[in-house]
Amino acid sequence: PDHMADNANVDFVISDADMETLMHMEHIA
């Protein structure tokens, strides 16, 4: 239940530059 509450608390914005970084992060093998 604590993780559920945390998972719902995503009221922030990731910057465009950071989104680009995350989009091209090395694949988890």
PDB file of all heavy atoms in Angstrom:
ATOM      1  N   PRO A   1       0.808  -1.231   0.000  1.00  0.00           N
ATOM      2  CA  PRO A   1       0.000   0.000   0.000  1.00  0.00           C
ATOM      3  C   PRO A   1       0.841   1.281   0.000  1.00  0.00           C
ATOM      4  O   PRO A   1       0.454   2.280  -0.622  1.00  0.00           O
ATOM      5  CB  PRO A   1      -0.836  -0.103   1.276  1.00  0.00           C
ATOM      6  CG  PRO A   1      -0.879  -1.562   1.581  1.00  0.00           C
ATOM      7  CD  PRO A   1       0.436  -2.120   1.100  1.00  0.00           C
ATOM      8  N   ASP A   2       1.983   1.274   0.677  1.00  0.00           N
ATOM      9  CA  ASP A   2       2.842   2.461   0.690  1.00  0.00           C
ATOM     10  C   ASP A   2       3.403   2.735  -0.703  1.00  0.00           C
ATOM     11  O   ASP A   2       3.479   3.884  -1.143  1.00  0.00           O
ATOM     12  CB  ASP A   2       3.989   2.298   1.689  1.00  0.00           C
ATOM     13  CG  ASP A   2       3.493   2.275   3.133  1.00  0.00           C
ATOM     14  OD1 ASP A   2       2.437   2.890   3.421  1.00  0.00           O
ATOM     15  OD2 ASP A   2       4.162   1.638   3.957  1.00  0.00           O
ATOM     16  N   HIS A   3       3.814   1.678  -1.397  1.00  0.00           N
ATOM     17  CA  HIS A   3       4.313   1.845  -2.766  1.00  0.00           C
ATOM     18  C   HIS A   3       3.205   2.334  -3.687  1.00  0.00           C
ATOM     19  O   HIS A   3       3.444   3.150  -4.584  1.00  0.00           O
ATOM     20  CB  HIS A   3       4.901   0.538  -3.295  1.00  0.00           C
ATOM     21  CG  HIS A   3       6.177   0.146  -2.630  1.00  0.00           C
ATOM     22  ND1 HIS A   3       6.735  -1.098  -2.785  1.00  0.00           N
ATOM     23  CD2 HIS A   3       6.998   0.818  -1.785  1.00  0.00           C
ATOM     24  CE1 HIS A   3       7.849  -1.175  -2.075  1.00  0.00           C
ATOM     25  NE2 HIS A   3       8.024  -0.022  -1.454  1.00  0.00           N
ATOM     26  N   MET A   4       1.982   1.833  -3.479  1.00  0.00           N
ATOM     27  CA  MET A   4       0.848   2.284  -4.297  1.00  0.00           C
ATOM     28  C   MET A   4       0.656   3.783  -4.157  1.00  0.00           C
ATOM     29  O   MET A   4       0.458   4.493  -5.151  1.00  0.00           O
ATOM     30  CB  MET A   4      -0.438   1.559  -3.891  1.00  0.00           C
ATOM     31  CG  MET A   4      -0.513   0.142  -4.340  1.00  0.00           C
ATOM     32  SD  MET A   4      -2.085  -0.569  -3.792  1.00  0.00           S
ATOM     33  CE  MET A   4      -1.634  -2.293  -3.723  1.00  0.00           C
ATOM     34  N   ALA A   5       0.715   4.266  -2.920  1.00  0.00           N
ATOM     35  CA  ALA A   5       0.550   5.704  -2.674  1.00  0.00           C
ATOM     36  C   ALA A   5       1.685   6.489  -3.325  1.00  0.00           C
ATOM     37  O   ALA A   5       1.450   7.513  -3.978  1.00  0.00           O
ATOM     38  CB  ALA A   5       0.487   5.982  -1.182  1.00  0.00           C
ATOM     39  N   ASP A   6       2.915   6.012  -3.165  1.00  0.00           N
ATOM     40  CA  ASP A   6       4.061   6.683  -3.790  1.00  0.00           C
ATOM     41  C   ASP A   6       3.940   6.679  -5.303  1.00  0.00           C
ATOM     42  O   ASP A   6       4.230   7.675  -5.967  1.00  0.00           O
ATOM     43  CB  ASP A   6       5.379   5.999  -3.394  1.00  0.00           C
ATOM     44  CG  ASP A   6       5.811   6.321  -1.979  1.00  0.00           C
ATOM     45  OD1 ASP A   6       5.291   7.304  -1.400  1.00  0.00           O
ATOM     46  OD2 ASP A   6       6.678   5.590  -1.459  1.00  0.00           O
ATOM     47  N   ASN A   7       3.523   5.542  -5.863  1.00  0.00           N
ATOM     48  CA  ASN A   7       3.407   5.420  -7.319  1.00  0.00           C
ATOM     49  C   ASN A   7       2.401   6.395  -7.910  1.00  0.00           C
ATOM     50  O   ASN A   7       2.507   6.777  -9.074  1.00  0.00           O
ATOM     51  CB  ASN A   7       3.034   3.991  -7.710  1.00  0.00           C
ATOM     52  CG  ASN A   7       4.141   2.997  -7.470  1.00  0.00           C
ATOM     53  OD1 ASN A   7       5.287   3.361  -7.211  1.00  0.00           O
ATOM     54  ND2 ASN A   7       3.811   1.719  -7.550  1.00  0.00           N
ATOM     55  N   ALA A   8       1.420   6.786  -7.118  1.00  0.00           N
ATOM     56  CA  ALA A   8       0.407   7.724  -7.597  1.00  0.00           C
ATOM     57  C   ALA A   8       0.853   9.176  -7.467  1.00  0.00           C
ATOM     58  O   ALA A   8       0.246  10.074  -8.061  1.00  0.00           O
ATOM     59  CB  ALA A   8      -0.897   7.517  -6.834  1.00  0.00           C
ATOM     60  N   ASN A   9       1.912   9.416  -6.737  1.00  0.00           N
ATOM     61  CA  ASN A   9       2.384  10.775  -6.490  1.00  0.00           C
ATOM     62  C   ASN A   9       3.446  11.157  -7.527  1.00  0.00           C
ATOM     63  O   ASN A   9       4.637  11.196  -7.234  1.00  0.00           O
ATOM     64  CB  ASN A   9       2.941  10.863  -5.066  1.00  0.00           C
ATOM     65  CG  ASN A   9       3.266  12.277  -4.666  1.00  0.00           C
ATOM     66  OD1 ASN A   9       2.880  13.229  -5.341  1.00  0.00           O
ATOM     67  ND2 ASN A   9       4.000  12.427  -3.585  1.00  0.00           N
ATOM     68  N   VAL A  10       2.984  11.441  -8.726  1.00  0.00           N
ATOM     69  CA  VAL A  10       3.905  11.758  -9.826  1.00  0.00           C
ATOM     70  C   VAL A  10       3.568  13.111 -10.452  1.00  0.00           C
ATOM     71  O   VAL A  10       3.644  13.300 -11.665  1.00  0.00           O
ATOM     72  CB  VAL A  10       3.921  10.630 -10.891  1.00  0.00           C
ATOM     73  CG1 VAL A  10       4.570   9.384 -10.341  1.00  0.00           C
ATOM     74  CG2 VAL A  10       2.517  10.332 -11.401  1.00  0.00           C
ATOM     75  N   ASP A  11       3.236  14.057  -9.588  1.00  0.00           N
ATOM     76  CA  ASP A  11       2.851  15.396 -10.041  1.00  0.00           C
ATOM     77  C   ASP A  11       4.092  16.282 -10.169  1.00  0.00           C
ATOM     78  O   ASP A  11       4.275  17.234  -9.416  1.00  0.00           O
ATOM     79  CB  ASP A  11       1.849  16.013  -9.070  1.00  0.00           C
ATOM     80  CG  ASP A  11       1.236  17.289  -9.605  1.00  0.00           C
ATOM     81  OD1 ASP A  11       1.246  17.479 -10.826  1.00  0.00           O
ATOM     82  OD2 ASP A  11       0.763  18.100  -8.789  1.00  0.00           O
ATOM     83  N   PHE A  12       4.947  15.908 -11.099  1.00  0.00           N
ATOM     84  CA  PHE A  12       6.127  16.702 -11.423  1.00  0.00           C
ATOM     85  C   PHE A  12       6.382  16.509 -12.910  1.00  0.00           C
ATOM     86  O   PHE A  12       5.741  15.675 -13.564  1.00  0.00           O
ATOM     87  CB  PHE A  12       7.352  16.274 -10.585  1.00  0.00           C
ATOM     88  CG  PHE A  12       7.825  14.875 -10.837  1.00  0.00           C
ATOM     89  CD1 PHE A  12       8.883  14.626 -11.691  1.00  0.00           C
ATOM     90  CD2 PHE A  12       7.210  13.793 -10.215  1.00  0.00           C
ATOM     91  CE1 PHE A  12       9.319  13.333 -11.922  1.00  0.00           C
ATOM     92  CE2 PHE A  12       7.636  12.498 -10.435  1.00  0.00           C
ATOM     93  CZ  PHE A  12       8.705  12.266 -11.290  1.00  0.00           C
ATOM     94  N   VAL A  13       7.270  17.305 -13.471  1.00  0.00           N
ATOM     95  CA  VAL A  13       7.551  17.231 -14.907  1.00  0.00           C
ATOM     96  C   VAL A  13       9.043  16.998 -15.104  1.00  0.00           C
ATOM     97  O   VAL A  13       9.871  17.707 -14.544  1.00  0.00           O
ATOM     98  CB  VAL A  13       7.112  18.525 -15.633  1.00  0.00           C
ATOM     99  CG1 VAL A  13       7.493  18.488 -17.099  1.00  0.00           C
ATOM    100  CG2 VAL A  13       5.608  18.732 -15.462  1.00  0.00           C
ATOM    101  N   ILE A  14       9.354  16.007 -15.915  1.00  0.00           N
ATOM    102  CA  ILE A  14      10.741  15.733 -16.281  1.00  0.00           C
ATOM    103  C   ILE A  14      11.088  16.665 -17.442  1.00  0.00           C
ATOM    104  O   ILE A  14      10.327  16.774 -18.408  1.00  0.00           O
ATOM    105  CB  ILE A  14      10.915  14.261 -16.704  1.00  0.00           C
ATOM    106  CG1 ILE A  14      10.500  13.319 -15.570  1.00  0.00           C
ATOM    107  CG2 ILE A  14      12.358  13.991 -17.126  1.00  0.00           C
ATOM    108  CD1 ILE A  14      10.389  11.849 -15.971  1.00  0.00           C
ATOM    109  N   SER A  15      12.210  17.334 -17.360  1.00  0.00           N
ATOM    110  CA  SER A  15      12.605  18.275 -18.417  1.00  0.00           C
ATOM    111  C   SER A  15      12.795  17.544 -19.745  1.00  0.00           C
ATOM    112  O   SER A  15      13.052  16.335 -19.784  1.00  0.00           O
ATOM    113  CB  SER A  15      13.903  18.989 -18.038  1.00  0.00           C
ATOM    114  OG  SER A  15      15.001  18.093 -18.172  1.00  0.00           O
ATOM    115  N   ASP A  16      12.682  18.299 -20.835  1.00  0.00           N
ATOM    116  CA  ASP A  16      12.882  17.718 -22.172  1.00  0.00           C
ATOM    117  C   ASP A  16      14.269  17.093 -22.300  1.00  0.00           C
ATOM    118  O   ASP A  16      14.417  16.009 -22.863  1.00  0.00           O
ATOM    119  CB  ASP A  16      12.688  18.771 -23.259  1.00  0.00           C
ATOM    120  CG  ASP A  16      11.244  19.234 -23.388  1.00  0.00           C
ATOM    121  OD1 ASP A  16      10.334  18.530 -22.884  1.00  0.00           O
ATOM    122  OD2 ASP A  16      11.023  20.304 -23.986  1.00  0.00           O
ATOM    123  N   ALA A  17      15.275  17.767 -21.772  1.00  0.00           N
ATOM    124  CA  ALA A  17      16.648  17.244 -21.861  1.00  0.00           C
ATOM    125  C   ALA A  17      16.776  15.927 -21.097  1.00  0.00           C
ATOM    126  O   ALA A  17      17.405  14.978 -21.589  1.00  0.00           O
ATOM    127  CB  ALA A  17      17.640  18.274 -21.325  1.00  0.00           C
ATOM    128  N   ASP A  18      16.173  15.860 -19.918  1.00  0.00           N
ATOM    129  CA  ASP A  18      16.240  14.625 -19.147  1.00  0.00           C
ATOM    130  C   ASP A  18      15.411  13.519 -19.797  1.00  0.00           C
ATOM    131  O   ASP A  18      15.799  12.338 -19.758  1.00  0.00           O
ATOM    132  CB  ASP A  18      15.803  14.853 -17.704  1.00  0.00           C
ATOM    133  CG  ASP A  18      16.838  15.623 -16.896  1.00  0.00           C
ATOM    134  OD1 ASP A  18      18.013  15.678 -17.310  1.00  0.00           O
ATOM    135  OD2 ASP A  18      16.467  16.174 -15.840  1.00  0.00           O
ATOM    136  N   MET A  19      14.289  13.869 -20.412  1.00  0.00           N
ATOM    137  CA  MET A  19      13.514  12.860 -21.147  1.00  0.00           C
ATOM    138  C   MET A  19      14.363  12.266 -22.274  1.00  0.00           C
ATOM    139  O   MET A  19      14.361  11.051 -22.487  1.00  0.00           O
ATOM    140  CB  MET A  19      12.222  13.460 -21.719  1.00  0.00           C
ATOM    141  CG  MET A  19      11.125  13.664 -20.701  1.00  0.00           C
ATOM    142  SD  MET A  19      10.453  12.140 -19.982  1.00  0.00           S
ATOM    143  CE  MET A  19       9.560  11.449 -21.368  1.00  0.00           C
ATOM    144  N   GLU A  20      15.088  13.113 -22.978  1.00  0.00           N
ATOM    145  CA  GLU A  20      15.976  12.624 -24.053  1.00  0.00           C
ATOM    146  C   GLU A  20      17.014  11.658 -23.491  1.00  0.00           C
ATOM    147  O   GLU A  20      17.279  10.606 -24.081  1.00  0.00           O
ATOM    148  CB  GLU A  20      16.685  13.793 -24.739  1.00  0.00           C
ATOM    149  CG  GLU A  20      15.928  14.425 -25.864  1.00  0.00           C
ATOM    150  CD  GLU A  20      15.611  13.477 -27.002  1.00  0.00           C
ATOM    151  OE1 GLU A  20      16.509  12.763 -27.503  1.00  0.00           O
ATOM    152  OE2 GLU A  20      14.436  13.451 -27.406  1.00  0.00           O
ATOM    153  N   THR A  21      17.601  12.024 -22.369  1.00  0.00           N
ATOM    154  CA  THR A  21      18.590  11.155 -21.731  1.00  0.00           C
ATOM    155  C   THR A  21      17.963   9.811 -21.376  1.00  0.00           C
ATOM    156  O   THR A  21      18.543   8.748 -21.662  1.00  0.00           O
ATOM    157  CB  THR A  21      19.151  11.819 -20.460  1.00  0.00           C
ATOM    158  OG1 THR A  21      19.810  13.028 -20.824  1.00  0.00           O
ATOM    159  CG2 THR A  21      20.120  10.905 -19.730  1.00  0.00           C
ATOM    160  N   LEU A  22      16.787   9.838 -20.780  1.00  0.00           N
ATOM    161  CA  LEU A  22      16.116   8.603 -20.370  1.00  0.00           C
ATOM    162  C   LEU A  22      15.700   7.757 -21.569  1.00  0.00           C
ATOM    163  O   LEU A  22      15.775   6.527 -21.532  1.00  0.00           O
ATOM    164  CB  LEU A  22      14.907   8.928 -19.487  1.00  0.00           C
ATOM    165  CG  LEU A  22      15.229   9.598 -18.151  1.00  0.00           C
ATOM    166  CD1 LEU A  22      13.947  10.046 -17.462  1.00  0.00           C
ATOM    167  CD2 LEU A  22      16.042   8.684 -17.256  1.00  0.00           C
ATOM    168  N   MET A  23      15.266   8.401 -22.641  1.00  0.00           N
ATOM    169  CA  MET A  23      14.845   7.669 -23.843  1.00  0.00           C
ATOM    170  C   MET A  23      15.991   6.876 -24.465  1.00  0.00           C
ATOM    171  O   MET A  23      15.756   5.863 -25.099  1.00  0.00           O
ATOM    172  CB  MET A  23      14.299   8.639 -24.899  1.00  0.00           C
ATOM    173  CG  MET A  23      12.878   9.033 -24.694  1.00  0.00           C
ATOM    174  SD  MET A  23      12.330  10.055 -26.074  1.00  0.00           S
ATOM    175  CE  MET A  23      11.817  11.496 -25.198  1.00  0.00           C
ATOM    176  N   HIS A  24      17.192   7.361 -24.293  1.00  0.00           N
ATOM    177  CA  HIS A  24      18.343   6.747 -24.952  1.00  0.00           C
ATOM    178  C   HIS A  24      19.295   6.068 -23.972  1.00  0.00           C
ATOM    179  O   HIS A  24      20.448   5.820 -24.298  1.00  0.00           O
ATOM    180  CB  HIS A  24      19.059   7.797 -25.802  1.00  0.00           C
ATOM    181  CG  HIS A  24      18.166   8.341 -26.866  1.00  0.00           C
ATOM    182  ND1 HIS A  24      17.498   9.535 -26.730  1.00  0.00           N
ATOM    183  CD2 HIS A  24      17.778   7.823 -28.048  1.00  0.00           C
ATOM    184  CE1 HIS A  24      16.755   9.737 -27.797  1.00  0.00           C
ATOM    185  NE2 HIS A  24      16.901   8.715 -28.610  1.00  0.00           N
ATOM    186  N   MET A  25      18.785   5.758 -22.786  1.00  0.00           N
ATOM    187  CA  MET A  25      19.604   5.087 -21.789  1.00  0.00           C
ATOM    188  C   MET A  25      19.904   3.656 -22.247  1.00  0.00           C
ATOM    189  O   MET A  25      19.109   3.038 -22.947  1.00  0.00           O
ATOM    190  CB  MET A  25      18.865   5.073 -20.458  1.00  0.00           C
ATOM    191  CG  MET A  25      19.717   4.653 -19.296  1.00  0.00           C
ATOM    192  SD  MET A  25      18.912   5.041 -17.730  1.00  0.00           S
ATOM    193  CE  MET A  25      19.253   6.799 -17.632  1.00  0.00           C
ATOM    194  N   GLU A  26      21.050   3.160 -21.822  1.00  0.00           N
ATOM    195  CA  GLU A  26      21.462   1.809 -22.201  1.00  0.00           C
ATOM    196  C   GLU A  26      20.397   0.790 -21.792  1.00  0.00           C
ATOM    197  O   GLU A  26      19.844   0.849 -20.698  1.00  0.00           O
ATOM    198  CB  GLU A  26      22.794   1.467 -21.533  1.00  0.00           C
ATOM    199  CG  GLU A  26      23.333   0.123 -21.937  1.00  0.00           C
ATOM    200  CD  GLU A  26      24.691  -0.173 -21.312  1.00  0.00           C
ATOM    201  OE1 GLU A  26      25.348   0.771 -20.830  1.00  0.00           O
ATOM    202  OE2 GLU A  26      25.068  -1.345 -21.318  1.00  0.00           O
ATOM    203  N   HIS A  27      20.137  -0.146 -22.707  1.00  0.00           N
ATOM    204  CA  HIS A  27      19.112  -1.161 -22.491  1.00  0.00           C
ATOM    205  C   HIS A  27      19.457  -2.067 -21.311  1.00  0.00           C
ATOM    206  O   HIS A  27      20.599  -2.490 -21.170  1.00  0.00           O
ATOM    207  CB  HIS A  27      18.959  -2.007 -23.763  1.00  0.00           C
ATOM    208  CG  HIS A  27      17.835  -2.978 -23.705  1.00  0.00           C
ATOM    209  ND1 HIS A  27      16.520  -2.589 -23.764  1.00  0.00           N
ATOM    210  CD2 HIS A  27      17.826  -4.320 -23.582  1.00  0.00           C
ATOM    211  CE1 HIS A  27      15.750  -3.665 -23.689  1.00  0.00           C
ATOM    212  NE2 HIS A  27      16.519  -4.727 -23.580  1.00  0.00           N
ATOM    213  N   ILE A  28      18.481  -2.346 -20.480  1.00  0.00           N
ATOM    214  CA  ILE A  28      18.668  -3.310 -19.388  1.00  0.00           C
ATOM    215  C   ILE A  28      18.697  -4.693 -20.015  1.00  0.00           C
ATOM    216  O   ILE A  28      17.730  -5.120 -20.652  1.00  0.00           O
ATOM    217  CB  ILE A  28      17.534  -3.197 -18.341  1.00  0.00           C
ATOM    218  CG1 ILE A  28      17.613  -1.851 -17.622  1.00  0.00           C
ATOM    219  CG2 ILE A  28      17.592  -4.363 -17.357  1.00  0.00           C
ATOM    220  CD1 ILE A  28      16.468  -1.564 -16.680  1.00  0.00           C
ATOM    221  N   ALA A  29      19.802  -5.374 -19.860  1.00  0.00           N
ATOM    222  CA  ALA A  29      19.987  -6.671 -20.513  1.00  0.00           C
ATOM    223  C   ALA A  29      19.526  -7.835 -19.647  1.00  0.00           C
ATOM    224  O   ALA A  29      19.305  -8.933 -20.149  1.00  0.00           O
ATOM    225  CB  ALA A  29      21.457  -6.850 -20.884  1.00  0.00           C
TER     226      ALA A  29
END
